[in-house]
Amino acid sequence: MAVITLTDTCLSVCLSVLSALEVEFVEVTQGQESVQLPFHTADLPQDVSVEWRLKDMKVHVYKVGENQPDQQEEDYRGRTEMNEKPLRTGDLSLRLKHLQLTDSGVYTCTVYNKDGHMLLQKSVTLSIRGECNRCLHIICVQHVRTC
């Protein structure tokens, strides 16, 4: 029963990645310490806010010139960071640390002006590979041993 669940999970992750072809794609191997989700833009006004999300979860929030860890989901606290002075450099990339298989998905970065209106938005699909391949390898090896 567990074999079917793992295979179905792997298939659904692969299908969700394929359905987002217009989105930038970043792929890493499970066990890698961190990954950068890229977003570079022109210089921005200093009074904008930046929000990275995965589905309906706030992964990272930057506003009033600083990171806002109290506004992000607890699971991401201490695991995300942006470059210093991101608004001045235009580098809104997000570094995600201590990767987990559940971190795979479509991340959306949205920039809002001081009135809360969206100025820019970019999506990046993160795929963490390796776990499914290892599970399938173990299943194949076990199957060969039983034959």
N, C-alpha and C. Protein backbone atom coordinates (compact mmCIF):
# COMPACT_ATOMS: atom_id res chain seq x y z
N MET A 1 0.82 -1.20 0.00
CA MET A 1 0.00 0.00 0.00
C MET A 1 0.86 1.26 0.00
N ALA A 2 1.95 1.27 0.76
CA ALA A 2 2.82 2.45 0.83
C ALA A 2 3.49 2.70 -0.52
N VAL A 3 3.78 1.66 -1.27
CA VAL A 3 4.41 1.82 -2.58
C VAL A 3 3.52 2.63 -3.51
N ILE A 4 2.25 2.36 -3.52
CA ILE A 4 1.30 3.09 -4.37
C ILE A 4 1.24 4.55 -3.96
N THR A 5 1.21 4.83 -2.67
CA THR A 5 1.15 6.20 -2.18
C THR A 5 2.38 6.98 -2.62
N LEU A 6 3.58 6.40 -2.47
CA LEU A 6 4.80 7.10 -2.88
C LEU A 6 4.79 7.37 -4.38
N THR A 7 4.39 6.40 -5.17
CA THR A 7 4.36 6.57 -6.61
C THR A 7 3.34 7.64 -7.01
N ASP A 8 2.16 7.62 -6.41
CA ASP A 8 1.14 8.63 -6.70
C ASP A 8 1.63 10.03 -6.33
N THR A 9 2.31 10.15 -5.19
CA THR A 9 2.84 11.45 -4.76
C THR A 9 3.86 11.95 -5.77
N CYS A 10 4.77 11.08 -6.19
CA CYS A 10 5.78 11.48 -7.18
C CYS A 10 5.13 11.92 -8.48
N LEU A 11 4.12 11.18 -8.91
CA LEU A 11 3.44 11.50 -10.15
C LEU A 11 2.74 12.85 -10.06
N SER A 12 2.09 13.13 -8.94
CA SER A 12 1.37 14.40 -8.81
C SER A 12 2.33 15.58 -8.78
N VAL A 13 3.51 15.42 -8.16
CA VAL A 13 4.51 16.50 -8.16
C VAL A 13 4.99 16.74 -9.58
N CYS A 14 5.29 15.68 -10.31
CA CYS A 14 5.76 15.81 -11.70
C CYS A 14 4.71 16.48 -12.58
N LEU A 15 3.44 16.10 -12.43
CA LEU A 15 2.38 16.68 -13.24
C LEU A 15 2.17 18.15 -12.92
N SER A 16 2.28 18.54 -11.64
CA SER A 16 2.09 19.95 -11.30
C SER A 16 3.23 20.79 -11.87
N VAL A 17 4.43 20.23 -11.93
CA VAL A 17 5.56 20.95 -12.52
C VAL A 17 5.34 21.13 -14.03
N LEU A 18 4.88 20.09 -14.70
CA LEU A 18 4.66 20.18 -16.14
C LEU A 18 3.56 21.16 -16.50
N SER A 19 2.57 21.33 -15.61
CA SER A 19 1.48 22.24 -15.92
C SER A 19 1.87 23.71 -15.79
N ALA A 20 3.06 23.99 -15.25
CA ALA A 20 3.49 25.37 -15.04
C ALA A 20 4.69 25.70 -15.92
N LEU A 21 4.61 25.39 -17.20
CA LEU A 21 5.75 25.56 -18.10
C LEU A 21 6.19 27.00 -18.26
N GLU A 22 5.29 27.96 -18.11
CA GLU A 22 5.65 29.35 -18.29
C GLU A 22 6.37 29.92 -17.08
N VAL A 23 6.45 29.19 -16.00
CA VAL A 23 7.07 29.63 -14.76
C VAL A 23 8.54 29.21 -14.77
N GLU A 24 9.42 30.05 -14.19
CA GLU A 24 10.83 29.68 -14.08
C GLU A 24 10.95 28.43 -13.23
N PHE A 25 11.87 27.56 -13.58
CA PHE A 25 11.99 26.24 -12.96
C PHE A 25 13.36 26.09 -12.30
N VAL A 26 13.36 25.69 -11.02
CA VAL A 26 14.59 25.42 -10.28
C VAL A 26 14.49 24.00 -9.74
N GLU A 27 15.52 23.20 -10.00
CA GLU A 27 15.51 21.81 -9.54
C GLU A 27 16.75 21.55 -8.70
N VAL A 28 16.56 20.91 -7.55
CA VAL A 28 17.66 20.55 -6.67
C VAL A 28 17.49 19.11 -6.22
N THR A 29 18.56 18.55 -5.71
CA THR A 29 18.53 17.19 -5.19
C THR A 29 18.24 17.23 -3.71
N GLN A 30 17.41 16.33 -3.25
CA GLN A 30 17.08 16.27 -1.83
C GLN A 30 18.38 16.10 -1.04
N GLY A 31 18.48 16.78 0.08
CA GLY A 31 19.68 16.74 0.89
C GLY A 31 20.56 17.96 0.68
N GLN A 32 20.31 18.71 -0.40
CA GLN A 32 21.06 19.94 -0.63
C GLN A 32 20.70 20.92 0.48
N GLU A 33 21.70 21.68 0.96
CA GLU A 33 21.50 22.56 2.11
C GLU A 33 20.53 23.71 1.84
N SER A 34 20.64 24.32 0.66
CA SER A 34 19.78 25.47 0.36
C SER A 34 19.60 25.63 -1.14
N VAL A 35 18.65 26.51 -1.49
CA VAL A 35 18.39 26.81 -2.89
C VAL A 35 18.00 28.27 -2.98
N GLN A 36 18.31 28.89 -4.11
CA GLN A 36 17.91 30.27 -4.33
C GLN A 36 16.80 30.32 -5.38
N LEU A 37 15.71 30.99 -5.03
CA LEU A 37 14.61 31.22 -5.97
C LEU A 37 14.83 32.62 -6.54
N PRO A 38 15.20 32.71 -7.82
CA PRO A 38 15.64 34.00 -8.37
C PRO A 38 14.51 34.96 -8.72
N PHE A 39 14.77 36.23 -8.47
CA PHE A 39 13.89 37.31 -8.90
C PHE A 39 14.70 38.60 -8.91
N HIS A 40 15.01 39.07 -10.10
CA HIS A 40 15.78 40.30 -10.27
C HIS A 40 14.93 41.30 -11.03
N THR A 41 14.96 42.54 -10.58
CA THR A 41 14.17 43.59 -11.20
C THR A 41 14.94 44.91 -11.12
N ALA A 42 14.36 45.93 -11.69
CA ALA A 42 14.99 47.25 -11.62
C ALA A 42 14.86 47.78 -10.19
N ASP A 43 15.60 48.83 -9.90
CA ASP A 43 15.50 49.46 -8.58
C ASP A 43 14.05 49.78 -8.26
N LEU A 44 13.71 49.64 -7.01
CA LEU A 44 12.34 49.85 -6.55
C LEU A 44 12.29 50.96 -5.51
N PRO A 45 11.13 51.60 -5.35
CA PRO A 45 10.98 52.57 -4.27
C PRO A 45 11.21 51.87 -2.92
N GLN A 46 11.67 52.60 -1.93
CA GLN A 46 11.99 52.01 -0.63
C GLN A 46 10.76 51.70 0.21
N ASP A 47 9.58 52.14 -0.22
CA ASP A 47 8.38 51.93 0.60
C ASP A 47 7.51 50.78 0.11
N VAL A 48 8.06 49.88 -0.71
CA VAL A 48 7.28 48.73 -1.16
C VAL A 48 7.45 47.56 -0.19
N SER A 49 6.55 46.60 -0.30
CA SER A 49 6.69 45.37 0.48
C SER A 49 6.80 44.20 -0.49
N VAL A 50 7.51 43.16 -0.05
CA VAL A 50 7.77 41.98 -0.86
C VAL A 50 7.25 40.77 -0.10
N GLU A 51 6.50 39.92 -0.80
CA GLU A 51 5.92 38.75 -0.15
C GLU A 51 6.15 37.52 -1.02
N TRP A 52 6.82 36.50 -0.47
CA TRP A 52 6.99 35.22 -1.14
C TRP A 52 5.96 34.26 -0.55
N ARG A 53 5.23 33.54 -1.42
CA ARG A 53 4.21 32.59 -0.98
C ARG A 53 4.39 31.24 -1.68
N LEU A 54 3.96 30.22 -0.99
CA LEU A 54 3.79 28.89 -1.56
C LEU A 54 2.33 28.54 -1.29
N LYS A 55 1.54 28.49 -2.35
CA LYS A 55 0.09 28.32 -2.23
C LYS A 55 -0.45 29.45 -1.36
N ASP A 56 -1.11 29.12 -0.26
CA ASP A 56 -1.67 30.17 0.59
C ASP A 56 -0.79 30.47 1.81
N MET A 57 0.43 29.92 1.84
CA MET A 57 1.33 30.13 2.98
C MET A 57 2.31 31.26 2.70
N LYS A 58 2.47 32.15 3.67
CA LYS A 58 3.48 33.19 3.56
C LYS A 58 4.82 32.58 3.95
N VAL A 59 5.71 32.53 2.96
CA VAL A 59 7.03 31.94 3.17
C VAL A 59 8.01 32.99 3.70
N HIS A 60 7.93 34.22 3.16
CA HIS A 60 8.84 35.30 3.59
C HIS A 60 8.17 36.64 3.32
N VAL A 61 8.32 37.57 4.26
CA VAL A 61 7.76 38.92 4.09
C VAL A 61 8.85 39.94 4.40
N TYR A 62 8.98 40.92 3.50
CA TYR A 62 9.93 42.02 3.67
C TYR A 62 9.16 43.32 3.49
N LYS A 63 9.14 44.15 4.54
CA LYS A 63 8.48 45.45 4.42
C LYS A 63 9.10 46.41 5.43
N VAL A 64 8.90 47.68 5.18
CA VAL A 64 9.45 48.75 6.00
C VAL A 64 10.96 48.56 6.17
N GLY A 65 11.61 48.10 5.09
CA GLY A 65 13.06 47.97 5.10
C GLY A 65 13.63 46.81 5.87
N GLU A 66 12.79 45.88 6.32
CA GLU A 66 13.32 44.71 7.03
C GLU A 66 12.45 43.47 6.84
N ASN A 67 13.08 42.33 7.15
CA ASN A 67 12.35 41.07 7.12
C ASN A 67 11.33 41.06 8.25
N GLN A 68 10.22 40.37 8.04
CA GLN A 68 9.13 40.31 9.02
C GLN A 68 8.85 38.85 9.38
N PRO A 69 9.72 38.23 10.18
CA PRO A 69 9.53 36.80 10.49
C PRO A 69 8.23 36.49 11.22
N ASP A 70 7.67 37.46 11.94
CA ASP A 70 6.41 37.23 12.65
C ASP A 70 5.22 37.11 11.70
N GLN A 71 5.41 37.50 10.43
CA GLN A 71 4.32 37.41 9.45
C GLN A 71 4.41 36.18 8.56
N GLN A 72 5.45 35.36 8.73
CA GLN A 72 5.59 34.18 7.87
C GLN A 72 5.13 32.94 8.62
N GLU A 73 4.81 31.90 7.84
CA GLU A 73 4.41 30.62 8.43
C GLU A 73 5.54 30.11 9.33
N GLU A 74 5.15 29.53 10.43
CA GLU A 74 6.12 29.06 11.43
C GLU A 74 7.13 28.08 10.84
N ASP A 75 6.69 27.22 9.94
CA ASP A 75 7.58 26.21 9.35
C ASP A 75 8.74 26.84 8.57
N TYR A 76 8.59 28.08 8.14
CA TYR A 76 9.64 28.73 7.35
C TYR A 76 10.52 29.67 8.18
N ARG A 77 10.17 29.92 9.42
CA ARG A 77 10.98 30.81 10.26
C ARG A 77 12.36 30.23 10.45
N GLY A 78 13.37 31.07 10.20
CA GLY A 78 14.75 30.64 10.32
C GLY A 78 15.26 29.87 9.11
N ARG A 79 14.41 29.66 8.12
CA ARG A 79 14.80 28.90 6.93
C ARG A 79 14.86 29.75 5.68
N THR A 80 14.49 31.04 5.75
CA THR A 80 14.48 31.88 4.56
C THR A 80 15.30 33.14 4.80
N GLU A 81 15.84 33.67 3.71
CA GLU A 81 16.53 34.95 3.79
C GLU A 81 16.58 35.59 2.41
N MET A 82 16.58 36.92 2.44
CA MET A 82 16.77 37.70 1.22
C MET A 82 18.08 38.46 1.38
N ASN A 83 18.63 38.93 0.25
CA ASN A 83 19.85 39.71 0.30
C ASN A 83 19.64 40.99 1.10
N GLU A 84 20.73 41.53 1.62
CA GLU A 84 20.64 42.83 2.28
C GLU A 84 20.27 43.89 1.26
N LYS A 85 19.47 44.82 1.67
CA LYS A 85 19.05 45.94 0.82
C LYS A 85 18.47 45.47 -0.52
N PRO A 86 17.50 44.57 -0.51
CA PRO A 86 16.97 44.04 -1.78
C PRO A 86 16.30 45.10 -2.66
N LEU A 87 15.72 46.11 -2.05
CA LEU A 87 15.03 47.13 -2.86
C LEU A 87 16.03 48.00 -3.61
N ARG A 88 17.15 48.28 -3.00
CA ARG A 88 18.17 49.10 -3.66
C ARG A 88 18.84 48.34 -4.81
N THR A 89 19.11 47.06 -4.60
CA THR A 89 19.80 46.27 -5.63
C THR A 89 18.85 45.68 -6.66
N GLY A 90 17.57 45.58 -6.32
CA GLY A 90 16.61 44.96 -7.23
C GLY A 90 16.67 43.44 -7.22
N ASP A 91 17.43 42.87 -6.26
CA ASP A 91 17.54 41.42 -6.14
C ASP A 91 16.58 40.95 -5.05
N LEU A 92 15.43 40.45 -5.47
CA LEU A 92 14.40 40.00 -4.55
C LEU A 92 14.43 38.48 -4.38
N SER A 93 15.53 37.87 -4.80
CA SER A 93 15.66 36.41 -4.72
C SER A 93 15.52 35.94 -3.28
N LEU A 94 14.99 34.74 -3.13
CA LEU A 94 14.79 34.15 -1.81
C LEU A 94 15.68 32.92 -1.67
N ARG A 95 16.43 32.84 -0.58
CA ARG A 95 17.20 31.64 -0.27
C ARG A 95 16.40 30.83 0.74
N LEU A 96 16.14 29.58 0.39
CA LEU A 96 15.41 28.65 1.25
C LEU A 96 16.41 27.61 1.75
N LYS A 97 16.51 27.49 3.08
CA LYS A 97 17.50 26.60 3.70
C LYS A 97 16.83 25.38 4.33
N HIS A 98 17.66 24.39 4.64
CA HIS A 98 17.21 23.15 5.29
C HIS A 98 16.02 22.57 4.53
N LEU A 99 16.26 22.26 3.26
CA LEU A 99 15.21 21.83 2.35
C LEU A 99 14.52 20.55 2.79
N GLN A 100 13.22 20.52 2.53
CA GLN A 100 12.39 19.36 2.80
C GLN A 100 11.66 19.00 1.51
N LEU A 101 11.32 17.75 1.35
CA LEU A 101 10.61 17.32 0.14
C LEU A 101 9.32 18.11 -0.04
N THR A 102 8.68 18.49 1.06
CA THR A 102 7.43 19.24 1.00
C THR A 102 7.62 20.69 0.56
N ASP A 103 8.86 21.14 0.41
CA ASP A 103 9.13 22.49 -0.09
C ASP A 103 8.90 22.60 -1.59
N SER A 104 8.76 21.49 -2.28
CA SER A 104 8.50 21.52 -3.73
C SER A 104 7.18 22.22 -4.00
N GLY A 105 7.15 23.00 -5.08
CA GLY A 105 5.91 23.67 -5.47
C GLY A 105 6.17 24.97 -6.19
N VAL A 106 5.11 25.71 -6.47
CA VAL A 106 5.21 26.98 -7.18
C VAL A 106 5.22 28.12 -6.16
N TYR A 107 6.34 28.82 -6.10
CA TYR A 107 6.50 29.97 -5.21
C TYR A 107 6.20 31.23 -6.01
N THR A 108 5.46 32.15 -5.40
CA THR A 108 5.11 33.40 -6.06
C THR A 108 5.62 34.56 -5.22
N CYS A 109 6.38 35.44 -5.86
CA CYS A 109 6.86 36.65 -5.20
C CYS A 109 6.04 37.83 -5.74
N THR A 110 5.45 38.58 -4.82
CA THR A 110 4.63 39.72 -5.20
C THR A 110 5.18 40.97 -4.53
N VAL A 111 5.30 42.04 -5.31
CA VAL A 111 5.75 43.33 -4.79
C VAL A 111 4.54 44.27 -4.76
N TYR A 112 4.30 44.86 -3.59
CA TYR A 112 3.17 45.77 -3.41
C TYR A 112 3.68 47.18 -3.12
N ASN A 113 2.95 48.18 -3.61
CA ASN A 113 3.31 49.55 -3.25
C ASN A 113 2.78 49.85 -1.86
N LYS A 114 3.05 51.06 -1.36
CA LYS A 114 2.67 51.39 0.02
C LYS A 114 1.16 51.37 0.25
N ASP A 115 0.37 51.47 -0.83
CA ASP A 115 -1.09 51.41 -0.72
C ASP A 115 -1.63 49.98 -0.84
N GLY A 116 -0.74 49.02 -1.00
CA GLY A 116 -1.16 47.62 -1.09
C GLY A 116 -1.51 47.14 -2.48
N HIS A 117 -1.24 47.96 -3.50
CA HIS A 117 -1.52 47.54 -4.88
C HIS A 117 -0.32 46.79 -5.44
N MET A 118 -0.60 45.71 -6.19
CA MET A 118 0.46 44.90 -6.75
C MET A 118 1.20 45.66 -7.85
N LEU A 119 2.54 45.66 -7.75
CA LEU A 119 3.38 46.28 -8.77
C LEU A 119 4.01 45.23 -9.68
N LEU A 120 4.53 44.18 -9.10
CA LEU A 120 5.23 43.12 -9.84
C LEU A 120 4.88 41.77 -9.24
N GLN A 121 5.00 40.73 -10.08
CA GLN A 121 4.81 39.38 -9.59
C GLN A 121 5.60 38.41 -10.44
N LYS A 122 6.20 37.43 -9.78
CA LYS A 122 6.95 36.39 -10.49
C LYS A 122 6.75 35.07 -9.78
N SER A 123 6.67 33.99 -10.55
CA SER A 123 6.55 32.65 -9.98
C SER A 123 7.76 31.82 -10.34
N VAL A 124 8.17 30.99 -9.40
CA VAL A 124 9.30 30.07 -9.58
C VAL A 124 8.86 28.70 -9.09
N THR A 125 9.01 27.70 -9.93
CA THR A 125 8.67 26.33 -9.53
C THR A 125 9.92 25.66 -8.98
N LEU A 126 9.81 25.16 -7.77
CA LEU A 126 10.90 24.45 -7.12
C LEU A 126 10.59 22.96 -7.12
N SER A 127 11.50 22.18 -7.64
CA SER A 127 11.36 20.73 -7.64
C SER A 127 12.53 20.14 -6.86
N ILE A 128 12.21 19.41 -5.82
CA ILE A 128 13.25 18.73 -5.04
C ILE A 128 13.18 17.26 -5.43
N ARG A 129 14.20 16.80 -6.12
CA ARG A 129 14.17 15.43 -6.66
C ARG A 129 15.12 14.53 -5.86
N GLY A 130 14.92 13.27 -6.03
CA GLY A 130 15.81 12.31 -5.40
C GLY A 130 15.08 11.29 -4.55
N GLU A 131 14.17 11.72 -3.71
CA GLU A 131 13.48 10.80 -2.82
C GLU A 131 12.67 9.77 -3.59
N CYS A 132 11.94 10.20 -4.59
CA CYS A 132 11.10 9.27 -5.36
C CYS A 132 11.96 8.26 -6.10
N ASN A 133 13.06 8.74 -6.70
CA ASN A 133 13.95 7.83 -7.43
C ASN A 133 14.54 6.80 -6.49
N ARG A 134 14.94 7.22 -5.27
CA ARG A 134 15.52 6.29 -4.31
C ARG A 134 14.47 5.26 -3.89
N CYS A 135 13.24 5.69 -3.65
CA CYS A 135 12.17 4.76 -3.26
C CYS A 135 11.92 3.74 -4.36
N LEU A 136 11.85 4.22 -5.60
CA LEU A 136 11.60 3.30 -6.72
C LEU A 136 12.77 2.32 -6.89
N HIS A 137 14.00 2.77 -6.66
CA HIS A 137 15.16 1.89 -6.76
C HIS A 137 15.07 0.80 -5.69
N ILE A 138 14.73 1.18 -4.47
CA ILE A 138 14.61 0.20 -3.38
C ILE A 138 13.51 -0.81 -3.70
N ILE A 139 12.40 -0.34 -4.22
CA ILE A 139 11.29 -1.25 -4.57
C ILE A 139 11.74 -2.22 -5.66
N CYS A 140 12.45 -1.72 -6.68
CA CYS A 140 12.92 -2.60 -7.76
C CYS A 140 13.90 -3.64 -7.23
N VAL A 141 14.84 -3.22 -6.37
CA VAL A 141 15.82 -4.16 -5.82
C VAL A 141 15.11 -5.21 -4.98
N GLN A 142 14.15 -4.81 -4.16
CA GLN A 142 13.43 -5.77 -3.35
C GLN A 142 12.63 -6.73 -4.22
N HIS A 143 12.06 -6.24 -5.30
CA HIS A 143 11.28 -7.09 -6.21
C HIS A 143 12.19 -8.13 -6.86
N VAL A 144 13.38 -7.73 -7.29
CA VAL A 144 14.32 -8.67 -7.92
C VAL A 144 14.73 -9.75 -6.94
N ARG A 145 14.93 -9.39 -5.69
CA ARG A 145 15.35 -10.37 -4.67
C ARG A 145 14.25 -11.42 -4.44
N THR A 146 13.00 -11.03 -4.59
CA THR A 146 11.91 -11.98 -4.32
C THR A 146 11.61 -12.89 -5.50
N CYS A 147 12.14 -12.56 -6.68
CA CYS A 147 11.84 -13.36 -7.88
C CYS A 147 12.70 -14.58 -7.98
